Amino acid sequence: MVSVLLPGPLRGEAGGASRLTVTDAGTLRAVLDEVAGHWPRLDRRIRDERGELRRYVNVYVDGEDCRHLGGLDAPVPAGAEVQVLPSVAGG
C-alpha cells in the first residue's frame, strides 16, 4: 500500500479526500496510473496529455523530490508516502 497525500486545492478532484491509498507500488508512474484509474480528473491536474508531470506540480516520495529520484521512474516502495503539491503563484 502507498499513501498519496493531497493538499486542499486538489482534494475536490478526489471526492474531498486528503489521503488516498493505492495498492500499486514499484514506481511513481505505477502509483499515478492507479490514481488515474480511480480519479481521472485528479490525474489530469497532475500529468499532462503525454503522461508527464505538469511543470507546476511537485511530487515527493517519502519527502524527496521525485525529479531527483528519476521522475516518473522513481522507486516507490510499499508503505511510502507520495505527496503532490501544485506550485502556488500570485502577487
PDB file of N, CA and C in Angstrom:
ATOM      1  N   MET A   1       0.833  -1.180   0.000  1.00  0.00           N
ATOM      2  CA  MET A   1       0.000   0.000   0.000  1.00  0.00           C
ATOM      3  C   MET A   1       0.884   1.252   0.000  1.00  0.00           C
ATOM      4  N   VAL A   2       0.413   2.272  -0.701  1.00  0.00           N
ATOM      5  CA  VAL A   2       1.094   3.561  -0.786  1.00  0.00           C
ATOM      6  C   VAL A   2       0.068   4.636  -0.471  1.00  0.00           C
ATOM      7  N   SER A   3       0.437   5.617   0.335  1.00  0.00           N
ATOM      8  CA  SER A   3      -0.431   6.748   0.634  1.00  0.00           C
ATOM      9  C   SER A   3      -0.082   7.899  -0.283  1.00  0.00           C
ATOM     10  N   VAL A   4      -1.105   8.514  -0.859  1.00  0.00           N
ATOM     11  CA  VAL A   4      -0.926   9.700  -1.697  1.00  0.00           C
ATOM     12  C   VAL A   4      -1.583  10.852  -0.951  1.00  0.00           C
ATOM     13  N   LEU A   5      -0.800  11.838  -0.559  1.00  0.00           N
ATOM     14  CA  LEU A   5      -1.283  12.974   0.216  1.00  0.00           C
ATOM     15  C   LEU A   5      -1.607  14.129  -0.718  1.00  0.00           C
ATOM     16  N   LEU A   6      -2.797  14.706  -0.520  1.00  0.00           N
ATOM     17  CA  LEU A   6      -3.263  15.781  -1.393  1.00  0.00           C
ATOM     18  C   LEU A   6      -3.505  17.060  -0.609  1.00  0.00           C
ATOM     19  N   PRO A   7      -3.068  18.204  -1.131  1.00  0.00           N
ATOM     20  CA  PRO A   7      -3.375  19.484  -0.488  1.00  0.00           C
ATOM     21  C   PRO A   7      -4.801  19.904  -0.830  1.00  0.00           C
ATOM     22  N   GLY A   8      -5.289  20.898  -0.135  1.00  0.00           N
ATOM     23  CA  GLY A   8      -6.654  21.396  -0.331  1.00  0.00           C
ATOM     24  C   GLY A   8      -7.061  21.653  -1.765  1.00  0.00           C
ATOM     25  N   PRO A   9      -6.229  22.322  -2.571  1.00  0.00           N
ATOM     26  CA  PRO A   9      -6.657  22.631  -3.937  1.00  0.00           C
ATOM     27  C   PRO A   9      -6.924  21.406  -4.823  1.00  0.00           C
ATOM     28  N   LEU A  10      -6.385  20.251  -4.474  1.00  0.00           N
ATOM     29  CA  LEU A  10      -6.590  19.054  -5.294  1.00  0.00           C
ATOM     30  C   LEU A  10      -7.637  18.094  -4.732  1.00  0.00           C
ATOM     31  N   ARG A  11      -8.058  18.305  -3.514  1.00  0.00           N
ATOM     32  CA  ARG A  11      -8.976  17.366  -2.861  1.00  0.00           C
ATOM     33  C   ARG A  11     -10.325  17.260  -3.552  1.00  0.00           C
ATOM     34  N   GLY A  12     -10.785  18.335  -4.172  1.00  0.00           N
ATOM     35  CA  GLY A  12     -12.068  18.306  -4.868  1.00  0.00           C
ATOM     36  C   GLY A  12     -12.087  17.301  -6.009  1.00  0.00           C
ATOM     37  N   GLU A  13     -10.922  17.020  -6.586  1.00  0.00           N
ATOM     38  CA  GLU A  13     -10.827  16.062  -7.687  1.00  0.00           C
ATOM     39  C   GLU A  13     -10.802  14.625  -7.182  1.00  0.00           C
ATOM     40  N   ALA A  14     -10.729  14.453  -5.859  1.00  0.00           N
ATOM     41  CA  ALA A  14     -10.676  13.122  -5.258  1.00  0.00           C
ATOM     42  C   ALA A  14     -11.781  12.952  -4.221  1.00  0.00           C
ATOM     43  N   GLY A  15     -12.910  13.592  -4.463  1.00  0.00           N
ATOM     44  CA  GLY A  15     -14.042  13.455  -3.550  1.00  0.00           C
ATOM     45  C   GLY A  15     -13.823  14.060  -2.185  1.00  0.00           C
ATOM     46  N   GLY A  16     -12.889  15.011  -2.077  1.00  0.00           N
ATOM     47  CA  GLY A  16     -12.634  15.681  -0.811  1.00  0.00           C
ATOM     48  C   GLY A  16     -11.587  15.003   0.056  1.00  0.00           C
ATOM     49  N   ALA A  17     -11.046  13.886  -0.395  1.00  0.00           N
ATOM     50  CA  ALA A  17     -10.078  13.137   0.411  1.00  0.00           C
ATOM     51  C   ALA A  17      -8.737  13.863   0.483  1.00  0.00           C
ATOM     52  N   SER A  18      -8.123  13.825   1.647  1.00  0.00           N
ATOM     53  CA  SER A  18      -6.788  14.394   1.824  1.00  0.00           C
ATOM     54  C   SER A  18      -5.710  13.325   1.670  1.00  0.00           C
ATOM     55  N   ARG A  19      -6.112  12.062   1.783  1.00  0.00           N
ATOM     56  CA  ARG A  19      -5.177  10.942   1.672  1.00  0.00           C
ATOM     57  C   ARG A  19      -5.849   9.835   0.868  1.00  0.00           C
ATOM     58  N   LEU A  20      -5.157   9.380  -0.176  1.00  0.00           N
ATOM     59  CA  LEU A  20      -5.627   8.262  -0.979  1.00  0.00           C
ATOM     60  C   LEU A  20      -4.718   7.073  -0.701  1.00  0.00           C
ATOM     61  N   THR A  21      -5.267   5.893  -0.786  1.00  0.00           N
ATOM     62  CA  THR A  21      -4.462   4.688  -0.634  1.00  0.00           C
ATOM     63  C   THR A  21      -4.529   3.906  -1.929  1.00  0.00           C
ATOM     64  N   VAL A  22      -3.371   3.587  -2.462  1.00  0.00           N
ATOM     65  CA  VAL A  22      -3.303   2.775  -3.676  1.00  0.00           C
ATOM     66  C   VAL A  22      -2.489   1.525  -3.354  1.00  0.00           C
ATOM     67  N   THR A  23      -2.732   0.476  -4.095  1.00  0.00           N
ATOM     68  CA  THR A  23      -2.061  -0.793  -3.822  1.00  0.00           C
ATOM     69  C   THR A  23      -0.828  -1.010  -4.672  1.00  0.00           C
ATOM     70  N   ASP A  24      -0.700  -0.248  -5.756  1.00  0.00           N
ATOM     71  CA  ASP A  24       0.376  -0.481  -6.705  1.00  0.00           C
ATOM     72  C   ASP A  24       1.613   0.315  -6.326  1.00  0.00           C
ATOM     73  N   ALA A  25       2.601  -0.369  -5.784  1.00  0.00           N
ATOM     74  CA  ALA A  25       3.884   0.268  -5.516  1.00  0.00           C
ATOM     75  C   ALA A  25       4.834  -0.115  -6.650  1.00  0.00           C
ATOM     76  N   GLY A  26       6.031   0.309  -6.581  1.00  0.00           N
ATOM     77  CA  GLY A  26       7.017  -0.014  -7.609  1.00  0.00           C
ATOM     78  C   GLY A  26       7.651   1.247  -8.135  1.00  0.00           C
ATOM     79  N   THR A  27       6.883   2.016  -8.928  1.00  0.00           N
ATOM     80  CA  THR A  27       7.383   3.287  -9.447  1.00  0.00           C
ATOM     81  C   THR A  27       6.309   4.352  -9.267  1.00  0.00           C
ATOM     82  N   LEU A  28       6.733   5.588  -9.366  1.00  0.00           N
ATOM     83  CA  LEU A  28       5.772   6.685  -9.278  1.00  0.00           C
ATOM     84  C   LEU A  28       4.767   6.594 -10.418  1.00  0.00           C
ATOM     85  N   ARG A  29       5.217   6.194 -11.592  1.00  0.00           N
ATOM     86  CA  ARG A  29       4.309   6.042 -12.738  1.00  0.00           C
ATOM     87  C   ARG A  29       3.191   5.031 -12.407  1.00  0.00           C
ATOM     88  N   ALA A  30       3.550   3.913 -11.794  1.00  0.00           N
ATOM     89  CA  ALA A  30       2.556   2.896 -11.441  1.00  0.00           C
ATOM     90  C   ALA A  30       1.556   3.443 -10.427  1.00  0.00           C
ATOM     91  N   VAL A  31       2.050   4.199  -9.451  1.00  0.00           N
ATOM     92  CA  VAL A  31       1.162   4.802  -8.449  1.00  0.00           C
ATOM     93  C   VAL A  31       0.196   5.773  -9.135  1.00  0.00           C
ATOM     94  N   LEU A  32       0.724   6.647  -9.990  1.00  0.00           N
ATOM     95  CA  LEU A  32      -0.130   7.627 -10.661  1.00  0.00           C
ATOM     96  C   LEU A  32      -1.069   6.972 -11.668  1.00  0.00           C
ATOM     97  N   ASP A  33      -0.663   5.862 -12.264  1.00  0.00           N
ATOM     98  CA  ASP A  33      -1.571   5.137 -13.154  1.00  0.00           C
ATOM     99  C   ASP A  33      -2.770   4.598 -12.377  1.00  0.00           C
ATOM    100  N   GLU A  34      -2.526   4.111 -11.166  1.00  0.00           N
ATOM    101  CA  GLU A  34      -3.642   3.637 -10.348  1.00  0.00           C
ATOM    102  C   GLU A  34      -4.533   4.808  -9.911  1.00  0.00           C
ATOM    103  N   VAL A  35      -3.913   5.922  -9.552  1.00  0.00           N
ATOM    104  CA  VAL A  35      -4.694   7.123  -9.221  1.00  0.00           C
ATOM    105  C   VAL A  35      -5.572   7.502 -10.413  1.00  0.00           C
ATOM    106  N   ALA A  36      -5.000   7.473 -11.613  1.00  0.00           N
ATOM    107  CA  ALA A  36      -5.756   7.830 -12.824  1.00  0.00           C
ATOM    108  C   ALA A  36      -6.939   6.907 -13.040  1.00  0.00           C
ATOM    109  N   GLY A  37      -6.786   5.640 -12.710  1.00  0.00           N
ATOM    110  CA  GLY A  37      -7.875   4.689 -12.881  1.00  0.00           C
ATOM    111  C   GLY A  37      -9.059   4.963 -11.976  1.00  0.00           C
ATOM    112  N   HIS A  38      -8.797   5.501 -10.791  1.00  0.00           N
ATOM    113  CA  HIS A  38      -9.866   5.783  -9.822  1.00  0.00           C
ATOM    114  C   HIS A  38     -10.319   7.236  -9.842  1.00  0.00           C
ATOM    115  N   TRP A  39      -9.376   8.155 -10.092  1.00  0.00           N
ATOM    116  CA  TRP A  39      -9.650   9.594 -10.032  1.00  0.00           C
ATOM    117  C   TRP A  39      -9.080  10.268 -11.268  1.00  0.00           C
ATOM    118  N   PRO A  40      -9.670  10.069 -12.442  1.00  0.00           N
ATOM    119  CA  PRO A  40      -9.091  10.610 -13.683  1.00  0.00           C
ATOM    120  C   PRO A  40      -8.972  12.133 -13.699  1.00  0.00           C
ATOM    121  N   ARG A  41      -9.899  12.833 -13.066  1.00  0.00           N
ATOM    122  CA  ARG A  41      -9.801  14.301 -13.041  1.00  0.00           C
ATOM    123  C   ARG A  41      -8.589  14.748 -12.239  1.00  0.00           C
ATOM    124  N   LEU A  42      -8.285  14.042 -11.171  1.00  0.00           N
ATOM    125  CA  LEU A  42      -7.099  14.350 -10.379  1.00  0.00           C
ATOM    126  C   LEU A  42      -5.842  14.114 -11.215  1.00  0.00           C
ATOM    127  N   ASP A  43      -5.807  13.017 -11.936  1.00  0.00           N
ATOM    128  CA  ASP A  43      -4.648  12.720 -12.773  1.00  0.00           C
ATOM    129  C   ASP A  43      -4.398  13.824 -13.792  1.00  0.00           C
ATOM    130  N   ARG A  44      -5.459  14.379 -14.367  1.00  0.00           N
ATOM    131  CA  ARG A  44      -5.288  15.456 -15.353  1.00  0.00           C
ATOM    132  C   ARG A  44      -4.720  16.718 -14.725  1.00  0.00           C
ATOM    133  N   ARG A  45      -4.880  16.872 -13.430  1.00  0.00           N
ATOM    134  CA  ARG A  45      -4.273  18.018 -12.739  1.00  0.00           C
ATOM    135  C   ARG A  45      -2.798  17.771 -12.430  1.00  0.00           C
ATOM    136  N   ILE A  46      -2.397  16.491 -12.390  1.00  0.00           N
ATOM    137  CA  ILE A  46      -1.022  16.126 -12.043  1.00  0.00           C
ATOM    138  C   ILE A  46      -0.166  15.899 -13.286  1.00  0.00           C
ATOM    139  N   ARG A  47      -0.745  15.220 -14.301  1.00  0.00           N
ATOM    140  CA  ARG A  47       0.020  14.866 -15.510  1.00  0.00           C
ATOM    141  C   ARG A  47      -0.621  15.481 -16.739  1.00  0.00           C
ATOM    142  N   ASP A  48       0.221  15.756 -17.734  1.00  0.00           N
ATOM    143  CA  ASP A  48      -0.265  16.353 -18.973  1.00  0.00           C
ATOM    144  C   ASP A  48      -0.762  15.273 -19.938  1.00  0.00           C
ATOM    145  N   GLU A  49      -1.081  15.685 -21.160  1.00  0.00           N
ATOM    146  CA  GLU A  49      -1.642  14.788 -22.172  1.00  0.00           C
ATOM    147  C   GLU A  49      -0.677  13.666 -22.556  1.00  0.00           C
ATOM    148  N   ARG A  50       0.616  13.901 -22.387  1.00  0.00           N
ATOM    149  CA  ARG A  50       1.629  12.899 -22.710  1.00  0.00           C
ATOM    150  C   ARG A  50       1.919  11.978 -21.537  1.00  0.00           C
ATOM    151  N   GLY A  51       1.272  12.238 -20.405  1.00  0.00           N
ATOM    152  CA  GLY A  51       1.505  11.426 -19.222  1.00  0.00           C
ATOM    153  C   GLY A  51       2.676  11.879 -18.375  1.00  0.00           C
ATOM    154  N   GLU A  52       3.249  13.046 -18.703  1.00  0.00           N
ATOM    155  CA  GLU A  52       4.370  13.592 -17.947  1.00  0.00           C
ATOM    156  C   GLU A  52       3.847  14.481 -16.815  1.00  0.00           C
ATOM    157  N   LEU A  53       4.642  14.625 -15.769  1.00  0.00           N
ATOM    158  CA  LEU A  53       4.259  15.524 -14.682  1.00  0.00           C
ATOM    159  C   LEU A  53       4.147  16.947 -15.208  1.00  0.00           C
ATOM    160  N   ARG A  54       3.101  17.627 -14.812  1.00  0.00           N
ATOM    161  CA  ARG A  54       2.978  19.037 -15.182  1.00  0.00           C
ATOM    162  C   ARG A  54       4.103  19.806 -14.498  1.00  0.00           C
ATOM    163  N   ARG A  55       4.620  20.810 -15.194  1.00  0.00           N
ATOM    164  CA  ARG A  55       5.804  21.509 -14.673  1.00  0.00           C
ATOM    165  C   ARG A  55       5.513  22.280 -13.395  1.00  0.00           C
ATOM    166  N   TYR A  56       4.267  22.613 -13.130  1.00  0.00           N
ATOM    167  CA  TYR A  56       3.936  23.360 -11.919  1.00  0.00           C
ATOM    168  C   TYR A  56       3.500  22.458 -10.766  1.00  0.00           C
ATOM    169  N   VAL A  57       3.660  21.157 -10.931  1.00  0.00           N
ATOM    170  CA  VAL A  57       3.306  20.210  -9.874  1.00  0.00           C
ATOM    171  C   VAL A  57       4.586  19.579  -9.336  1.00  0.00           C
ATOM    172  N   ASN A  58       4.737  19.604  -8.035  1.00  0.00           N
ATOM    173  CA  ASN A  58       5.877  18.966  -7.379  1.00  0.00           C
ATOM    174  C   ASN A  58       5.383  17.704  -6.686  1.00  0.00           C
ATOM    175  N   VAL A  59       6.112  16.619  -6.854  1.00  0.00           N
ATOM    176  CA  VAL A  59       5.738  15.344  -6.255  1.00  0.00           C
ATOM    177  C   VAL A  59       6.933  14.842  -5.446  1.00  0.00           C
ATOM    178  N   TYR A  60       6.651  14.440  -4.219  1.00  0.00           N
ATOM    179  CA  TYR A  60       7.684  13.967  -3.308  1.00  0.00           C
ATOM    180  C   TYR A  60       7.380  12.530  -2.907  1.00  0.00           C
ATOM    181  N   VAL A  61       8.417  11.706  -2.889  1.00  0.00           N
ATOM    182  CA  VAL A  61       8.304  10.324  -2.434  1.00  0.00           C
ATOM    183  C   VAL A  61       9.071  10.244  -1.122  1.00  0.00           C
ATOM    184  N   ASP A  62       8.348  10.003  -0.048  1.00  0.00           N
ATOM    185  CA  ASP A  62       8.949   9.981   1.292  1.00  0.00           C
ATOM    186  C   ASP A  62       9.817  11.216   1.544  1.00  0.00           C
ATOM    187  N   GLY A  63       9.310  12.384   1.121  1.00  0.00           N
ATOM    188  CA  GLY A  63       9.976  13.651   1.387  1.00  0.00           C
ATOM    189  C   GLY A  63      11.041  14.055   0.382  1.00  0.00           C
ATOM    190  N   GLU A  64      11.344  13.212  -0.590  1.00  0.00           N
ATOM    191  CA  GLU A  64      12.358  13.517  -1.603  1.00  0.00           C
ATOM    192  C   GLU A  64      11.686  13.908  -2.914  1.00  0.00           C
ATOM    193  N   ASP A  65      12.150  14.985  -3.532  1.00  0.00           N
ATOM    194  CA  ASP A  65      11.610  15.433  -4.809  1.00  0.00           C
ATOM    195  C   ASP A  65      11.794  14.332  -5.845  1.00  0.00           C
ATOM    196  N   CYS A  66      10.711  13.908  -6.472  1.00  0.00           N
ATOM    197  CA  CYS A  66      10.784  12.799  -7.429  1.00  0.00           C
ATOM    198  C   CYS A  66      11.693  13.121  -8.603  1.00  0.00           C
ATOM    199  N   ARG A  67      11.855  14.389  -8.932  1.00  0.00           N
ATOM    200  CA  ARG A  67      12.705  14.746 -10.068  1.00  0.00           C
ATOM    201  C   ARG A  67      14.177  14.407  -9.797  1.00  0.00           C
ATOM    202  N   HIS A  68      14.540  14.290  -8.521  1.00  0.00           N
ATOM    203  CA  HIS A  68      15.899  13.893  -8.158  1.00  0.00           C
ATOM    204  C   HIS A  68      16.023  12.387  -7.991  1.00  0.00           C
ATOM    205  N   LEU A  69      14.901  11.697  -8.061  1.00  0.00           N
ATOM    206  CA  LEU A  69      14.881  10.241  -7.871  1.00  0.00           C
ATOM    207  C   LEU A  69      14.601   9.471  -9.155  1.00  0.00           C
ATOM    208  N   GLY A  70      14.468  10.184 -10.271  1.00  0.00           N
ATOM    209  CA  GLY A  70      14.186   9.509 -11.533  1.00  0.00           C
ATOM    210  C   GLY A  70      12.851   9.876 -12.149  1.00  0.00           C
ATOM    211  N   GLY A  71      12.217  10.928 -11.639  1.00  0.00           N
ATOM    212  CA  GLY A  71      10.938  11.368 -12.205  1.00  0.00           C
ATOM    213  C   GLY A  71       9.864  10.309 -12.048  1.00  0.00           C
ATOM    214  N   LEU A  72       9.153  10.018 -13.112  1.00  0.00           N
ATOM    215  CA  LEU A  72       8.079   9.033 -13.049  1.00  0.00           C
ATOM    216  C   LEU A  72       8.609   7.622 -12.822  1.00  0.00           C
ATOM    217  N   ASP A  73       9.892   7.411 -13.042  1.00  0.00           N
ATOM    218  CA  ASP A  73      10.501   6.107 -12.785  1.00  0.00           C
ATOM    219  C   ASP A  73      11.073   6.003 -11.376  1.00  0.00           C
ATOM    220  N   ALA A  74      10.820   7.015 -10.547  1.00  0.00           N
ATOM    221  CA  ALA A  74      11.300   6.999  -9.169  1.00  0.00           C
ATOM    222  C   ALA A  74      10.726   5.780  -8.447  1.00  0.00           C
ATOM    223  N   PRO A  75      11.555   5.064  -7.702  1.00  0.00           N
ATOM    224  CA  PRO A  75      11.043   3.916  -6.955  1.00  0.00           C
ATOM    225  C   PRO A  75      10.116   4.358  -5.823  1.00  0.00           C
ATOM    226  N   VAL A  76       9.024   3.620  -5.677  1.00  0.00           N
ATOM    227  CA  VAL A  76       8.064   3.881  -4.603  1.00  0.00           C
ATOM    228  C   VAL A  76       7.834   2.557  -3.890  1.00  0.00           C
ATOM    229  N   PRO A  77       8.487   2.359  -2.755  1.00  0.00           N
ATOM    230  CA  PRO A  77       8.319   1.088  -2.039  1.00  0.00           C
ATOM    231  C   PRO A  77       6.976   1.016  -1.332  1.00  0.00           C
ATOM    232  N   ALA A  78       6.555  -0.181  -1.009  1.00  0.00           N
ATOM    233  CA  ALA A  78       5.338  -0.365  -0.230  1.00  0.00           C
ATOM    234  C   ALA A  78       5.477   0.399   1.079  1.00  0.00           C
ATOM    235  N   GLY A  79       4.417   1.056   1.487  1.00  0.00           N
ATOM    236  CA  GLY A  79       4.419   1.837   2.716  1.00  0.00           C
ATOM    237  C   GLY A  79       4.866   3.273   2.545  1.00  0.00           C
ATOM    238  N   ALA A  80       5.247   3.648   1.343  1.00  0.00           N
ATOM    239  CA  ALA A  80       5.735   5.004   1.089  1.00  0.00           C
ATOM    240  C   ALA A  80       4.598   6.016   1.115  1.00  0.00           C
ATOM    241  N   GLU A  81       4.981   7.270   1.299  1.00  0.00           N
ATOM    242  CA  GLU A  81       4.049   8.387   1.164  1.00  0.00           C
ATOM    243  C   GLU A  81       4.458   9.210  -0.050  1.00  0.00           C
ATOM    244  N   VAL A  82       3.493   9.459  -0.906  1.00  0.00           N
ATOM    245  CA  VAL A  82       3.693  10.299  -2.080  1.00  0.00           C
ATOM    246  C   VAL A  82       2.895  11.570  -1.832  1.00  0.00           C
ATOM    247  N   GLN A  83       3.566  12.692  -1.857  1.00  0.00           N
ATOM    248  CA  GLN A  83       2.900  13.976  -1.616  1.00  0.00           C
ATOM    249  C   GLN A  83       2.881  14.774  -2.925  1.00  0.00           C
ATOM    250  N   VAL A  84       1.704  15.256  -3.286  1.00  0.00           N
ATOM    251  CA  VAL A  84       1.529  16.041  -4.509  1.00  0.00           C
ATOM    252  C   VAL A  84       1.267  17.479  -4.104  1.00  0.00           C
ATOM    253  N   LEU A  85       2.094  18.399  -4.620  1.00  0.00           N
ATOM    254  CA  LEU A  85       1.951  19.817  -4.287  1.00  0.00           C
ATOM    255  C   LEU A  85       1.995  20.669  -5.536  1.00  0.00           C
ATOM    256  N   PRO A  86       0.857  21.267  -5.908  1.00  0.00           N
ATOM    257  CA  PRO A  86       0.901  22.199  -7.034  1.00  0.00           C
ATOM    258  C   PRO A  86       1.596  23.484  -6.599  1.00  0.00           C
ATOM    259  N   SER A  87       2.348  24.083  -7.491  1.00  0.00           N
ATOM    260  CA  SER A  87       3.002  25.355  -7.184  1.00  0.00           C
ATOM    261  C   SER A  87       1.941  26.433  -7.009  1.00  0.00           C
ATOM    262  N   VAL A  88       2.238  27.373  -6.145  1.00  0.00           N
ATOM    263  CA  VAL A  88       1.339  28.485  -5.903  1.00  0.00           C
ATOM    264  C   VAL A  88       2.031  29.754  -6.387  1.00  0.00           C
ATOM    265  N   ALA A  89       1.321  30.499  -7.199  1.00  0.00           N
ATOM    266  CA  ALA A  89       1.891  31.754  -7.720  1.00  0.00           C
ATOM    267  C   ALA A  89       0.904  32.876  -7.479  1.00  0.00           C
ATOM    268  N   GLY A  90       1.384  34.041  -7.536  1.00  0.00           N
ATOM    269  CA  GLY A  90       0.489  35.185  -7.364  1.00  0.00           C
ATOM    270  C   GLY A  90       1.248  36.361  -6.793  1.00  0.00           C
ATOM    271  N   GLY A  91       0.541  37.411  -6.633  1.00  0.00           N
ATOM    272  CA  GLY A  91       1.237  38.575  -6.121  1.00  0.00           C
ATOM    273  C   GLY A  91       0.358  39.412  -5.256  1.00  0.00           C
TER     274      GLY A  91
END
